[in-house]
C-alpha atoms as a PDB file:
ATOM      1  CA  UNK A   1       0.000   0.000   0.000  1.00  0.00           C
ATOM      2  CA  UNK A   2       1.330   3.443  -0.929  1.00  0.00           C
ATOM      3  CA  UNK A   3       1.935   6.016   1.801  1.00  0.00           C
ATOM      4  CA  UNK A   4       1.068   8.862  -0.602  1.00  0.00           C
ATOM      5  CA  UNK A   5      -2.548   9.924  -0.819  1.00  0.00           C
ATOM      6  CA  UNK A   6      -4.219   9.048  -4.099  1.00  0.00           C
ATOM      7  CA  UNK A   7      -5.537  11.658  -6.538  1.00  0.00           C
ATOM      8  CA  UNK A   8      -9.020  11.676  -4.973  1.00  0.00           C
ATOM      9  CA  UNK A   9      -7.663  12.283  -1.455  1.00  0.00           C
ATOM     10  CA  UNK A  10      -5.312  14.985  -2.745  1.00  0.00           C
ATOM     11  CA  UNK A  11      -8.337  16.963  -3.971  1.00  0.00           C
ATOM     12  CA  UNK A  12      -9.672  17.059  -0.392  1.00  0.00           C
ATOM     13  CA  UNK A  13      -6.522  18.646   1.018  1.00  0.00           C
ATOM     14  CA  UNK A  14      -6.439  22.428   0.626  1.00  0.00           C
ATOM     15  CA  UNK A  15      -2.917  23.694  -0.153  1.00  0.00           C
ATOM     16  CA  UNK A  16      -1.581  26.835   1.542  1.00  0.00           C
ATOM     17  CA  UNK A  17       1.141  29.375   0.750  1.00  0.00           C
ATOM     18  CA  UNK A  18       3.576  27.033   2.519  1.00  0.00           C
ATOM     19  CA  UNK A  19       2.571  23.864   0.660  1.00  0.00           C
ATOM     20  CA  UNK A  20       5.399  22.670  -1.605  1.00  0.00           C
ATOM     21  CA  UNK A  21       4.539  21.912  -5.237  1.00  0.00           C
ATOM     22  CA  UNK A  22       6.362  19.821  -7.824  1.00  0.00           C
ATOM     23  CA  UNK A  23       5.837  18.379 -11.290  1.00  0.00           C
ATOM     24  CA  UNK A  24       4.036  15.104 -10.614  1.00  0.00           C
ATOM     25  CA  UNK A  25       5.474  12.746 -13.223  1.00  0.00           C
ATOM     26  CA  UNK A  26       2.817  10.135 -12.397  1.00  0.00           C
ATOM     27  CA  UNK A  27       0.097  12.659 -13.331  1.00  0.00           C
ATOM     28  CA  UNK A  28       1.456  12.705 -16.888  1.00  0.00           C
ATOM     29  CA  UNK A  29       1.253   8.899 -17.051  1.00  0.00           C
ATOM     30  CA  UNK A  30      -2.266   8.768 -15.591  1.00  0.00           C
ATOM     31  CA  UNK A  31      -3.435  11.338 -18.139  1.00  0.00           C
ATOM     32  CA  UNK A  32      -1.844   9.393 -21.001  1.00  0.00           C
ATOM     33  CA  UNK A  33       0.233  12.460 -21.876  1.00  0.00           C
ATOM     34  CA  UNK A  34       3.800  12.341 -23.159  1.00  0.00           C
ATOM     35  CA  UNK A  35       5.916  14.513 -20.877  1.00  0.00           C
ATOM     36  CA  UNK A  36       8.861  14.306 -23.296  1.00  0.00           C
ATOM     37  CA  UNK A  37       6.816  15.922 -26.071  1.00  0.00           C
ATOM     38  CA  UNK A  38       5.816  18.707 -23.697  1.00  0.00           C
ATOM     39  CA  UNK A  39       9.414  19.149 -22.497  1.00  0.00           C
ATOM     40  CA  UNK A  40      10.511  19.560 -26.122  1.00  0.00           C
ATOM     41  CA  UNK A  41       8.256  22.607 -26.362  1.00  0.00           C
ATOM     42  CA  UNK A  42      10.444  24.247 -23.702  1.00  0.00           C
ATOM     43  CA  UNK A  43      13.692  23.722 -25.609  1.00  0.00           C
ATOM     44  CA  UNK A  44      15.443  26.677 -27.189  1.00  0.00           C
ATOM     45  CA  UNK A  45      15.025  26.784 -31.010  1.00  0.00           C
ATOM     46  CA  UNK A  46      18.499  25.328 -31.645  1.00  0.00           C
ATOM     47  CA  UNK A  47      17.929  22.268 -29.478  1.00  0.00           C
ATOM     48  CA  UNK A  48      14.276  21.809 -30.430  1.00  0.00           C
ATOM     49  CA  UNK A  49      15.369  21.397 -34.033  1.00  0.00           C
ATOM     50  CA  UNK A  50      18.062  18.900 -33.011  1.00  0.00           C
ATOM     51  CA  UNK A  51      15.734  16.783 -30.852  1.00  0.00           C
ATOM     52  CA  UNK A  52      13.021  16.760 -33.487  1.00  0.00           C
ATOM     53  CA  UNK A  53      15.572  15.582 -36.062  1.00  0.00           C
ATOM     54  CA  UNK A  54      16.876  12.816 -33.739  1.00  0.00           C
ATOM     55  CA  UNK A  55      14.041  11.795 -31.377  1.00  0.00           C
ATOM     56  CA  UNK A  56      15.674   8.400 -30.776  1.00  0.00           C
ATOM     57  CA  UNK A  57      18.532  10.040 -28.842  1.00  0.00           C
ATOM     58  CA  UNK A  58      17.086   9.812 -25.367  1.00  0.00           C
ATOM     59  CA  UNK A  59      20.194   9.105 -23.288  1.00  0.00           C
ATOM     60  CA  UNK A  60      23.627  10.645 -23.441  1.00  0.00           C
ATOM     61  CA  UNK A  61      26.942  10.089 -21.698  1.00  0.00           C
ATOM     62  CA  UNK A  62      27.550  12.796 -19.112  1.00  0.00           C
ATOM     63  CA  UNK A  63      30.805  13.327 -17.247  1.00  0.00           C
ATOM     64  CA  UNK A  64      30.395  14.529 -13.675  1.00  0.00           C
ATOM     65  CA  UNK A  65      32.717  17.554 -13.445  1.00  0.00           C
ATOM     66  CA  UNK A  66      33.618  16.790  -9.821  1.00  0.00           C
ATOM     67  CA  UNK A  67      34.172  13.025  -9.923  1.00  0.00           C
ATOM     68  CA  UNK A  68      34.867  12.464 -13.646  1.00  0.00           C
ATOM     69  CA  UNK A  69      32.391   9.589 -13.429  1.00  0.00           C
ATOM     70  CA  UNK A  70      30.605   8.907 -16.715  1.00  0.00           C
ATOM     71  CA  UNK A  71      26.880   8.280 -16.387  1.00  0.00           C
ATOM     72  CA  UNK A  72      23.984   7.810 -18.800  1.00  0.00           C
ATOM     73  CA  UNK A  73      21.476  10.623 -18.360  1.00  0.00           C
ATOM     74  CA  UNK A  74      18.312  11.704 -20.122  1.00  0.00           C
ATOM     75  CA  UNK A  75      19.545  13.989 -22.879  1.00  0.00           C
ATOM     76  CA  UNK A  76      16.370  16.057 -23.016  1.00  0.00           C
ATOM     77  CA  UNK A  77      16.369  16.891 -19.295  1.00  0.00           C
ATOM     78  CA  UNK A  78      20.116  17.486 -19.412  1.00  0.00           C
ATOM     79  CA  UNK A  79      20.009  19.988 -22.274  1.00  0.00           C
ATOM     80  CA  UNK A  80      17.005  21.758 -20.733  1.00  0.00           C
ATOM     81  CA  UNK A  81      18.847  22.197 -17.439  1.00  0.00           C
ATOM     82  CA  UNK A  82      22.351  22.838 -18.723  1.00  0.00           C
ATOM     83  CA  UNK A  83      21.613  25.075 -21.698  1.00  0.00           C
ATOM     84  CA  UNK A  84      18.050  26.101 -22.524  1.00  0.00           C
ATOM     85  CA  UNK A  85      17.074  27.099 -18.974  1.00  0.00           C
ATOM     86  CA  UNK A  86      20.073  29.438 -18.883  1.00  0.00           C
ATOM     87  CA  UNK A  87      18.916  31.406 -21.909  1.00  0.00           C
ATOM     88  CA  UNK A  88      17.491  34.852 -21.097  1.00  0.00           C
ATOM     89  CA  UNK A  89      14.187  34.079 -22.828  1.00  0.00           C
ATOM     90  CA  UNK A  90      13.530  30.788 -20.992  1.00  0.00           C
ATOM     91  CA  UNK A  91      11.399  32.646 -18.446  1.00  0.00           C
ATOM     92  CA  UNK A  92      10.430  36.230 -19.224  1.00  0.00           C
ATOM     93  CA  UNK A  93       7.964  38.664 -17.704  1.00  0.00           C
ATOM     94  CA  UNK A  94       5.611  37.705 -20.564  1.00  0.00           C
ATOM     95  CA  UNK A  95       5.765  33.934 -19.924  1.00  0.00           C
ATOM     96  CA  UNK A  96       2.296  32.717 -18.838  1.00  0.00           C
ATOM     97  CA  UNK A  97       2.210  31.971 -15.117  1.00  0.00           C
ATOM     98  CA  UNK A  98       1.678  28.206 -15.404  1.00  0.00           C
ATOM     99  CA  UNK A  99       4.548  27.927 -17.920  1.00  0.00           C
ATOM    100  CA  UNK A 100       6.760  30.076 -15.689  1.00  0.00           C
ATOM    101  CA  UNK A 101       6.033  27.868 -12.651  1.00  0.00           C
ATOM    102  CA  UNK A 102       6.657  24.698 -14.686  1.00  0.00           C
ATOM    103  CA  UNK A 103       9.958  26.094 -15.978  1.00  0.00           C
ATOM    104  CA  UNK A 104      11.037  27.240 -12.512  1.00  0.00           C
ATOM    105  CA  UNK A 105      10.409  23.737 -11.203  1.00  0.00           C
ATOM    106  CA  UNK A 106      12.456  22.338 -14.106  1.00  0.00           C
ATOM    107  CA  UNK A 107      15.320  24.741 -13.371  1.00  0.00           C
ATOM    108  CA  UNK A 108      15.104  23.691  -9.729  1.00  0.00           C
ATOM    109  CA  UNK A 109      15.519  20.022 -10.677  1.00  0.00           C
ATOM    110  CA  UNK A 110      11.839  19.470  -9.771  1.00  0.00           C
ATOM    111  CA  UNK A 111      12.671  20.068  -6.128  1.00  0.00           C
ATOM    112  CA  UNK A 112       9.428  21.167  -4.438  1.00  0.00           C
ATOM    113  CA  UNK A 113       8.792  24.898  -4.068  1.00  0.00           C
ATOM    114  CA  UNK A 114       6.075  26.752  -2.161  1.00  0.00           C
ATOM    115  CA  UNK A 115       4.072  29.563  -3.786  1.00  0.00           C
ATOM    116  CA  UNK A 116       6.151  32.010  -1.710  1.00  0.00           C
ATOM    117  CA  UNK A 117       9.409  30.528  -3.046  1.00  0.00           C
ATOM    118  CA  UNK A 118       8.036  30.511  -6.585  1.00  0.00           C
ATOM    119  CA  UNK A 119       7.128  34.216  -6.303  1.00  0.00           C
ATOM    120  CA  UNK A 120      10.633  35.051  -5.054  1.00  0.00           C
ATOM    121  CA  UNK A 121      12.352  32.975  -7.744  1.00  0.00           C
ATOM    122  CA  UNK A 122      10.186  34.499 -10.457  1.00  0.00           C
ATOM    123  CA  UNK A 123      10.983  38.009  -9.289  1.00  0.00           C
ATOM    124  CA  UNK A 124      14.700  37.246  -9.019  1.00  0.00           C
ATOM    125  CA  UNK A 125      14.814  35.702 -12.465  1.00  0.00           C
ATOM    126  CA  UNK A 126      12.618  38.161 -14.400  1.00  0.00           C
ATOM    127  CA  UNK A 127      11.874  41.140 -12.193  1.00  0.00           C
ATOM    128  CA  UNK A 128       8.218  40.117 -12.441  1.00  0.00           C
ATOM    129  CA  UNK A 129       6.291  40.104  -9.180  1.00  0.00           C
ATOM    130  CA  UNK A 130       3.417  37.691  -8.766  1.00  0.00           C
ATOM    131  CA  UNK A 131       1.455  37.602  -5.556  1.00  0.00           C
ATOM    132  CA  UNK A 132       2.027  34.206  -3.860  1.00  0.00           C
ATOM    133  CA  UNK A 133      -1.734  34.026  -3.274  1.00  0.00           C
ATOM    134  CA  UNK A 134      -2.348  34.320  -7.037  1.00  0.00           C
ATOM    135  CA  UNK A 135       0.225  31.578  -7.648  1.00  0.00           C
ATOM    136  CA  UNK A 136      -1.515  29.376  -5.082  1.00  0.00           C
ATOM    137  CA  UNK A 137      -4.908  29.992  -6.677  1.00  0.00           C
ATOM    138  CA  UNK A 138      -3.480  29.130 -10.094  1.00  0.00           C
ATOM    139  CA  UNK A 139      -1.602  25.935  -9.227  1.00  0.00           C
ATOM    140  CA  UNK A 140      -3.443  24.843  -6.088  1.00  0.00           C
ATOM    141  CA  UNK A 141      -6.973  24.766  -7.447  1.00  0.00           C
ATOM    142  CA  UNK A 142      -9.062  21.885  -8.699  1.00  0.00           C
ATOM    143  CA  UNK A 143      -7.583  22.030 -12.210  1.00  0.00           C
ATOM    144  CA  UNK A 144      -4.093  20.568 -12.483  1.00  0.00           C
ATOM    145  CA  UNK A 145      -1.900  22.521 -14.884  1.00  0.00           C
ATOM    146  CA  UNK A 146       1.010  20.672 -16.518  1.00  0.00           C
ATOM    147  CA  UNK A 147       1.190  18.134 -13.706  1.00  0.00           C
ATOM    148  CA  UNK A 148       2.020  20.792 -11.088  1.00  0.00           C
ATOM    149  CA  UNK A 149       0.643  19.377  -7.870  1.00  0.00           C
ATOM    150  CA  UNK A 150       1.198  19.698  -4.150  1.00  0.00           C
ATOM    151  CA  UNK A 151       3.680  17.373  -2.505  1.00  0.00           C
ATOM    152  CA  UNK A 152       1.809  15.618   0.249  1.00  0.00           C
ATOM    153  CA  UNK A 153       3.453  13.721   3.062  1.00  0.00           C
END
């Protein structure tokens, strides 16, 4: 038996400004959606073209700069984190809020963030201020956007 509440129980729990959110990878599977296709839409133009031309390249060899250990990693996630997310137009003041939150969570390695932390990170990155309450209302409501869900103990 899983210790995590199921989707129906999660709807009964009301998130707060201090509730951490993450990209729920299982949500994508339950919805029958392909997260990789969606992630490709967040690639910079240069890498989007490359991944569309070679969709079979899912894993790459990556050398850990500290240990020199070579590991196989997901090439799409790697290029998003190491290149595309560092481009100035990855998150802009004009990026829709749900996309901005999704991209911030990507940049953060999908480590959970509260609406307060998201607001601070968004302001630091773009100069754009969003009220944490507005963020909570957007990502903590009944509709799940892009798999962004609360992390429940």
